[in-house]
Each structure stands twice: as C-alpha cells, then as structure tokens.
Amino acid sequence: MLIQQFRYDNYRLHQLGNNSVFTITLQAGLSAIKTPQCYKEDGSSKNPDCPVCSKSLNKLAQPLPMAHCANSRLVCKISGDVMNENNPPMMLPNGYVYGYNVSVGVNDLLKAKTAVVRI
C-alpha cells in the first residue's frame, strides 16, 4: 500500500502517467491508422497489410478514436494497386470502379475467351 502511494505521488509530482511510453506510442499509432473499414462486419473490406485489421490489434484499438484522413486515395479492389495518373480509375457500366490496368487486362482476357469460343 505504501509503495503504491509513493508511485502515485511520484508520478503526479513529475507529471507522468500510469501508462508506459510503449503503450502510449502503440495507442497513438493505432489511432492514426484506424478507420471504419477495420470494423465492418462483412470482413471483405479488411486490408491484410493494415495492423488494425488484424485480430489481436483490432481489440486493442477498439476504444481508441478513428483517424481523420484529409487526403484519401483510391485503391483497386482486384489488383490492390493505387489508382493515380499512371493507373486512372475507370467506372464500368455496373457502377464499380477499377484501375485502368485491370480493365485492360479483363478486356484482353474477354477477347481471348471470345476468340477461343469462336474457333
């Protein structure tokens, strides 16, 4: 009891928190990259490269605030490539948006299948 009281008073005197620097740094990092996509129920929108989407860190990040992204970027769902000036977004008639490189690949694939069927 006396040891706990000493630690508490020492922390207050030096304006230190009860959490370790590692815990605070981990929470700051998870909060910076946490988005609503990490908590969707369907699981299809989870990014395998996102630490918050992993099961272990997902529970730790749950009480933390979401990140505010002022700048966003489009990522092709099929290829995972970023859509930019080298891979511009292309909207298909069904309303889905994919990268130009994927749409060219699908178009070539469809032409090849059509050619095989005609022979």
N, C-alpha and C. Protein backbone atom coordinates (compact mmCIF):
# COMPACT_ATOMS: atom_id res chain seq x y z
N MET A 1 0.82 -1.19 0.00
CA MET A 1 0.00 0.00 0.00
C MET A 1 0.86 1.25 0.00
N LEU A 2 1.91 1.27 0.81
CA LEU A 2 2.79 2.43 0.88
C LEU A 2 3.57 2.60 -0.42
N ILE A 3 3.94 1.47 -1.04
CA ILE A 3 4.68 1.52 -2.31
C ILE A 3 3.78 2.11 -3.41
N GLN A 4 2.54 1.69 -3.46
CA GLN A 4 1.61 2.22 -4.46
C GLN A 4 1.37 3.71 -4.26
N GLN A 5 1.25 4.14 -3.02
CA GLN A 5 1.05 5.56 -2.73
C GLN A 5 2.27 6.37 -3.14
N PHE A 6 3.47 5.83 -2.89
CA PHE A 6 4.70 6.52 -3.30
C PHE A 6 4.76 6.67 -4.81
N ARG A 7 4.46 5.58 -5.53
CA ARG A 7 4.49 5.65 -7.00
C ARG A 7 3.48 6.66 -7.53
N TYR A 8 2.28 6.63 -6.98
CA TYR A 8 1.24 7.56 -7.40
C TYR A 8 1.66 9.01 -7.19
N ASP A 9 2.21 9.32 -5.98
CA ASP A 9 2.65 10.68 -5.69
C ASP A 9 3.85 11.07 -6.54
N ASN A 10 4.75 10.14 -6.79
CA ASN A 10 5.92 10.41 -7.62
C ASN A 10 5.49 10.71 -9.07
N TYR A 11 4.56 9.94 -9.60
CA TYR A 11 4.04 10.19 -10.95
C TYR A 11 3.38 11.56 -11.02
N ARG A 12 2.59 11.90 -10.02
CA ARG A 12 1.91 13.20 -10.01
C ARG A 12 2.92 14.33 -9.90
N LEU A 13 3.95 14.17 -9.08
CA LEU A 13 4.97 15.19 -8.88
C LEU A 13 5.71 15.49 -10.18
N HIS A 14 6.03 14.44 -10.93
CA HIS A 14 6.78 14.61 -12.18
C HIS A 14 5.88 14.63 -13.41
N GLN A 15 4.59 14.69 -13.20
CA GLN A 15 3.59 14.76 -14.27
C GLN A 15 3.73 13.59 -15.25
N LEU A 16 3.86 12.42 -14.71
CA LEU A 16 3.94 11.20 -15.50
C LEU A 16 2.61 10.47 -15.41
N GLY A 17 2.29 9.73 -16.45
CA GLY A 17 1.07 8.93 -16.45
C GLY A 17 1.31 7.53 -15.93
N ASN A 18 0.25 6.80 -15.72
CA ASN A 18 0.36 5.42 -15.26
C ASN A 18 0.75 4.47 -16.39
N ASN A 19 0.51 4.87 -17.64
CA ASN A 19 0.81 4.01 -18.79
C ASN A 19 2.27 4.16 -19.20
N SER A 20 2.81 3.09 -19.74
CA SER A 20 4.20 3.14 -20.21
C SER A 20 4.28 3.91 -21.52
N VAL A 21 5.49 4.29 -21.87
CA VAL A 21 5.71 5.02 -23.13
C VAL A 21 5.35 4.12 -24.31
N PHE A 22 5.63 2.83 -24.20
CA PHE A 22 5.28 1.88 -25.26
C PHE A 22 3.77 1.85 -25.49
N THR A 23 3.00 1.79 -24.41
CA THR A 23 1.54 1.74 -24.53
C THR A 23 1.01 3.00 -25.18
N ILE A 24 1.51 4.14 -24.77
CA ILE A 24 1.06 5.41 -25.33
C ILE A 24 1.43 5.50 -26.81
N THR A 25 2.64 5.08 -27.17
CA THR A 25 3.07 5.12 -28.57
C THR A 25 2.25 4.16 -29.42
N LEU A 26 1.98 2.96 -28.91
CA LEU A 26 1.17 1.99 -29.64
C LEU A 26 -0.24 2.51 -29.86
N GLN A 27 -0.84 3.10 -28.83
CA GLN A 27 -2.19 3.65 -28.97
C GLN A 27 -2.22 4.81 -29.96
N ALA A 28 -1.20 5.65 -29.95
CA ALA A 28 -1.15 6.77 -30.90
C ALA A 28 -1.02 6.26 -32.33
N GLY A 29 -0.19 5.24 -32.54
CA GLY A 29 -0.04 4.67 -33.88
C GLY A 29 -1.30 4.00 -34.38
N LEU A 30 -1.94 3.22 -33.52
CA LEU A 30 -3.18 2.54 -33.92
C LEU A 30 -4.30 3.55 -34.20
N SER A 31 -4.36 4.58 -33.40
CA SER A 31 -5.38 5.61 -33.59
C SER A 31 -5.17 6.36 -34.90
N ALA A 32 -3.91 6.53 -35.30
CA ALA A 32 -3.61 7.26 -36.52
C ALA A 32 -4.03 6.51 -37.78
N ILE A 33 -4.07 5.17 -37.72
CA ILE A 33 -4.41 4.40 -38.92
C ILE A 33 -5.75 3.69 -38.83
N LYS A 34 -6.46 3.86 -37.73
CA LYS A 34 -7.75 3.19 -37.53
C LYS A 34 -8.83 3.88 -38.37
N THR A 35 -9.55 3.09 -39.15
CA THR A 35 -10.64 3.61 -39.99
C THR A 35 -11.89 2.76 -39.77
N PRO A 36 -13.04 3.24 -40.18
CA PRO A 36 -14.26 2.44 -40.06
C PRO A 36 -14.20 1.13 -40.85
N GLN A 37 -13.37 1.06 -41.88
CA GLN A 37 -13.26 -0.16 -42.69
C GLN A 37 -12.71 -1.33 -41.86
N CYS A 38 -11.96 -1.02 -40.81
CA CYS A 38 -11.37 -2.07 -39.98
C CYS A 38 -12.41 -2.80 -39.14
N TYR A 39 -13.61 -2.23 -39.01
CA TYR A 39 -14.63 -2.81 -38.14
C TYR A 39 -15.91 -3.20 -38.89
N LYS A 40 -15.86 -3.31 -40.20
CA LYS A 40 -17.04 -3.75 -40.95
C LYS A 40 -17.29 -5.21 -40.67
N GLU A 41 -18.57 -5.56 -40.63
CA GLU A 41 -18.97 -6.93 -40.27
C GLU A 41 -18.67 -7.95 -41.37
N ASP A 42 -18.75 -7.52 -42.64
CA ASP A 42 -18.59 -8.49 -43.73
C ASP A 42 -17.17 -9.01 -43.85
N GLY A 43 -16.18 -8.26 -43.43
CA GLY A 43 -14.80 -8.72 -43.46
C GLY A 43 -14.15 -8.62 -44.82
N SER A 44 -14.90 -8.29 -45.87
CA SER A 44 -14.31 -8.22 -47.20
C SER A 44 -13.50 -6.95 -47.40
N SER A 45 -13.77 -5.92 -46.62
CA SER A 45 -13.07 -4.66 -46.81
C SER A 45 -11.82 -4.55 -45.95
N LYS A 46 -11.49 -5.58 -45.20
CA LYS A 46 -10.31 -5.52 -44.35
C LYS A 46 -9.05 -5.69 -45.19
N ASN A 47 -8.07 -4.86 -44.90
CA ASN A 47 -6.81 -4.86 -45.63
C ASN A 47 -5.82 -5.79 -44.91
N PRO A 48 -5.23 -6.74 -45.59
CA PRO A 48 -4.29 -7.65 -44.92
C PRO A 48 -3.01 -6.94 -44.46
N ASP A 49 -2.69 -5.78 -45.03
CA ASP A 49 -1.50 -5.04 -44.64
C ASP A 49 -1.76 -4.07 -43.49
N CYS A 50 -3.00 -3.92 -43.07
CA CYS A 50 -3.37 -2.97 -42.01
C CYS A 50 -3.21 -3.64 -40.64
N PRO A 51 -2.41 -3.07 -39.74
CA PRO A 51 -2.26 -3.67 -38.41
C PRO A 51 -3.56 -3.66 -37.61
N VAL A 52 -4.40 -2.65 -37.79
CA VAL A 52 -5.64 -2.57 -37.02
C VAL A 52 -6.62 -3.64 -37.46
N CYS A 53 -6.54 -4.09 -38.70
CA CYS A 53 -7.45 -5.13 -39.20
C CYS A 53 -7.08 -6.52 -38.66
N SER A 54 -5.88 -6.69 -38.13
CA SER A 54 -5.52 -7.98 -37.55
C SER A 54 -6.31 -8.20 -36.27
N LYS A 55 -6.59 -9.45 -35.95
CA LYS A 55 -7.47 -9.77 -34.82
C LYS A 55 -6.89 -9.28 -33.49
N SER A 56 -5.59 -9.45 -33.29
CA SER A 56 -5.01 -9.10 -31.99
C SER A 56 -5.02 -7.60 -31.72
N LEU A 57 -4.64 -6.81 -32.71
CA LEU A 57 -4.60 -5.36 -32.50
C LEU A 57 -5.97 -4.72 -32.68
N ASN A 58 -6.89 -5.42 -33.34
CA ASN A 58 -8.23 -4.88 -33.54
C ASN A 58 -8.93 -4.67 -32.21
N LYS A 59 -8.78 -5.61 -31.30
CA LYS A 59 -9.40 -5.48 -29.98
C LYS A 59 -8.75 -4.37 -29.17
N LEU A 60 -7.43 -4.21 -29.30
CA LEU A 60 -6.73 -3.15 -28.56
C LEU A 60 -7.13 -1.76 -29.05
N ALA A 61 -7.41 -1.64 -30.35
CA ALA A 61 -7.72 -0.34 -30.93
C ALA A 61 -9.20 0.02 -30.82
N GLN A 62 -10.03 -0.89 -30.37
CA GLN A 62 -11.47 -0.64 -30.34
C GLN A 62 -11.87 0.61 -29.55
N PRO A 63 -11.33 0.87 -28.35
CA PRO A 63 -11.76 2.07 -27.62
C PRO A 63 -11.11 3.37 -28.13
N LEU A 64 -10.15 3.27 -29.02
CA LEU A 64 -9.44 4.46 -29.49
C LEU A 64 -10.25 5.21 -30.54
N PRO A 65 -10.00 6.50 -30.72
CA PRO A 65 -10.73 7.27 -31.74
C PRO A 65 -10.29 6.91 -33.15
N MET A 66 -11.16 7.17 -34.12
CA MET A 66 -10.85 6.91 -35.53
C MET A 66 -9.89 7.97 -36.06
N ALA A 67 -9.15 7.61 -37.08
CA ALA A 67 -8.24 8.55 -37.73
C ALA A 67 -9.03 9.49 -38.62
N HIS A 68 -8.55 10.71 -38.74
CA HIS A 68 -9.16 11.67 -39.65
C HIS A 68 -8.25 11.78 -40.87
N CYS A 69 -8.73 11.35 -42.01
CA CYS A 69 -7.94 11.38 -43.25
C CYS A 69 -8.41 12.54 -44.11
N ALA A 70 -7.60 13.57 -44.21
CA ALA A 70 -7.95 14.72 -45.04
C ALA A 70 -7.73 14.40 -46.51
N ASN A 71 -6.73 13.57 -46.80
CA ASN A 71 -6.44 13.16 -48.17
C ASN A 71 -6.67 11.66 -48.27
N SER A 72 -7.42 11.27 -49.28
CA SER A 72 -7.66 9.85 -49.46
C SER A 72 -7.07 9.41 -50.79
N ARG A 73 -7.00 8.12 -50.98
CA ARG A 73 -6.50 7.58 -52.24
C ARG A 73 -7.35 6.38 -52.61
N LEU A 74 -7.53 6.21 -53.89
CA LEU A 74 -8.31 5.09 -54.40
C LEU A 74 -7.40 3.89 -54.61
N VAL A 75 -7.86 2.74 -54.17
CA VAL A 75 -7.11 1.50 -54.35
C VAL A 75 -8.01 0.52 -55.09
N CYS A 76 -7.49 -0.07 -56.15
CA CYS A 76 -8.25 -1.04 -56.94
C CYS A 76 -8.48 -2.29 -56.09
N LYS A 77 -9.73 -2.74 -56.04
CA LYS A 77 -10.07 -3.89 -55.21
C LYS A 77 -9.54 -5.20 -55.79
N ILE A 78 -9.38 -5.28 -57.10
CA ILE A 78 -8.90 -6.51 -57.73
C ILE A 78 -7.39 -6.64 -57.61
N SER A 79 -6.66 -5.61 -58.04
CA SER A 79 -5.20 -5.70 -58.06
C SER A 79 -4.54 -5.19 -56.79
N GLY A 80 -5.21 -4.30 -56.04
CA GLY A 80 -4.61 -3.71 -54.86
C GLY A 80 -3.69 -2.56 -55.17
N ASP A 81 -3.62 -2.15 -56.45
CA ASP A 81 -2.76 -1.04 -56.86
C ASP A 81 -3.47 0.28 -56.59
N VAL A 82 -2.66 1.30 -56.29
CA VAL A 82 -3.21 2.64 -56.09
C VAL A 82 -3.59 3.21 -57.45
N MET A 83 -4.76 3.84 -57.51
CA MET A 83 -5.20 4.47 -58.75
C MET A 83 -4.71 5.91 -58.75
N ASN A 84 -3.89 6.25 -59.75
CA ASN A 84 -3.32 7.59 -59.88
C ASN A 84 -3.22 7.92 -61.36
N GLU A 85 -2.30 8.85 -61.73
CA GLU A 85 -2.20 9.24 -63.13
C GLU A 85 -1.68 8.12 -64.03
N ASN A 86 -0.95 7.16 -63.46
CA ASN A 86 -0.46 6.01 -64.24
C ASN A 86 -1.46 4.87 -64.30
N ASN A 87 -2.42 4.86 -63.41
CA ASN A 87 -3.44 3.83 -63.35
C ASN A 87 -4.77 4.51 -63.01
N PRO A 88 -5.34 5.28 -63.97
CA PRO A 88 -6.53 6.08 -63.64
C PRO A 88 -7.75 5.20 -63.36
N PRO A 89 -8.66 5.69 -62.52
CA PRO A 89 -9.87 4.92 -62.22
C PRO A 89 -10.81 4.87 -63.42
N MET A 90 -11.38 3.71 -63.64
CA MET A 90 -12.33 3.51 -64.74
C MET A 90 -13.61 2.92 -64.16
N MET A 91 -14.75 3.55 -64.47
CA MET A 91 -16.03 3.04 -63.96
C MET A 91 -16.66 2.14 -65.02
N LEU A 92 -17.03 0.95 -64.60
CA LEU A 92 -17.69 0.01 -65.50
C LEU A 92 -19.19 0.31 -65.53
N PRO A 93 -19.92 -0.23 -66.49
CA PRO A 93 -21.36 0.02 -66.57
C PRO A 93 -22.14 -0.40 -65.31
N ASN A 94 -21.60 -1.34 -64.55
CA ASN A 94 -22.30 -1.76 -63.33
C ASN A 94 -22.09 -0.79 -62.17
N GLY A 95 -21.27 0.25 -62.35
CA GLY A 95 -21.05 1.26 -61.33
C GLY A 95 -19.81 1.05 -60.49
N TYR A 96 -19.14 -0.08 -60.62
CA TYR A 96 -17.93 -0.33 -59.86
C TYR A 96 -16.75 0.37 -60.51
N VAL A 97 -15.79 0.79 -59.70
CA VAL A 97 -14.61 1.50 -60.19
C VAL A 97 -13.39 0.61 -60.00
N TYR A 98 -12.63 0.43 -61.06
CA TYR A 98 -11.41 -0.35 -61.03
C TYR A 98 -10.31 0.45 -61.70
N GLY A 99 -9.06 0.03 -61.50
CA GLY A 99 -7.93 0.66 -62.14
C GLY A 99 -7.91 0.35 -63.62
N TYR A 100 -7.32 1.26 -64.39
CA TYR A 100 -7.24 1.10 -65.84
C TYR A 100 -6.48 -0.18 -66.22
N ASN A 101 -5.41 -0.46 -65.50
CA ASN A 101 -4.61 -1.66 -65.81
C ASN A 101 -5.42 -2.94 -65.67
N VAL A 102 -6.30 -3.00 -64.69
CA VAL A 102 -7.15 -4.18 -64.51
C VAL A 102 -8.19 -4.24 -65.62
N SER A 103 -8.77 -3.09 -65.98
CA SER A 103 -9.80 -3.11 -67.02
C SER A 103 -9.22 -3.52 -68.37
N VAL A 104 -7.98 -3.12 -68.64
CA VAL A 104 -7.33 -3.54 -69.89
C VAL A 104 -7.07 -5.04 -69.85
N GLY A 105 -6.62 -5.56 -68.69
CA GLY A 105 -6.36 -6.99 -68.55
C GLY A 105 -7.63 -7.81 -68.69
N VAL A 106 -8.73 -7.34 -68.11
CA VAL A 106 -10.01 -8.05 -68.22
C VAL A 106 -10.50 -8.01 -69.66
N ASN A 107 -10.33 -6.87 -70.32
CA ASN A 107 -10.74 -6.75 -71.72
C ASN A 107 -9.95 -7.72 -72.60
N ASP A 108 -8.65 -7.81 -72.40
CA ASP A 108 -7.83 -8.76 -73.17
C ASP A 108 -8.24 -10.21 -72.88
N LEU A 109 -8.56 -10.48 -71.60
CA LEU A 109 -8.99 -11.82 -71.23
C LEU A 109 -10.31 -12.18 -71.90
N LEU A 110 -11.24 -11.22 -71.93
CA LEU A 110 -12.53 -11.47 -72.58
C LEU A 110 -12.36 -11.68 -74.08
N LYS A 111 -11.47 -10.91 -74.70
CA LYS A 111 -11.21 -11.09 -76.13
C LYS A 111 -10.62 -12.46 -76.40
N ALA A 112 -9.71 -12.90 -75.53
CA ALA A 112 -9.09 -14.21 -75.71
C ALA A 112 -10.12 -15.33 -75.55
N LYS A 113 -11.02 -15.20 -74.57
CA LYS A 113 -12.05 -16.23 -74.38
C LYS A 113 -13.02 -16.24 -75.54
N THR A 114 -13.37 -15.06 -76.05
CA THR A 114 -14.27 -14.98 -77.19
C THR A 114 -13.64 -15.63 -78.41
N ALA A 115 -12.34 -15.39 -78.61
CA ALA A 115 -11.65 -15.98 -79.75
C ALA A 115 -11.61 -17.50 -79.62
N VAL A 116 -11.44 -18.02 -78.43
CA VAL A 116 -11.40 -19.46 -78.21
C VAL A 116 -12.78 -20.07 -78.49
N VAL A 117 -13.84 -19.37 -78.08
CA VAL A 117 -15.19 -19.90 -78.27
C VAL A 117 -15.54 -19.92 -79.75
N ARG A 118 -15.11 -18.92 -80.49
CA ARG A 118 -15.44 -18.84 -81.93
C ARG A 118 -14.72 -19.92 -82.73
N ILE A 119 -13.61 -20.40 -82.29
CA ILE A 119 -12.86 -21.39 -83.07
C ILE A 119 -13.49 -22.69 -82.96
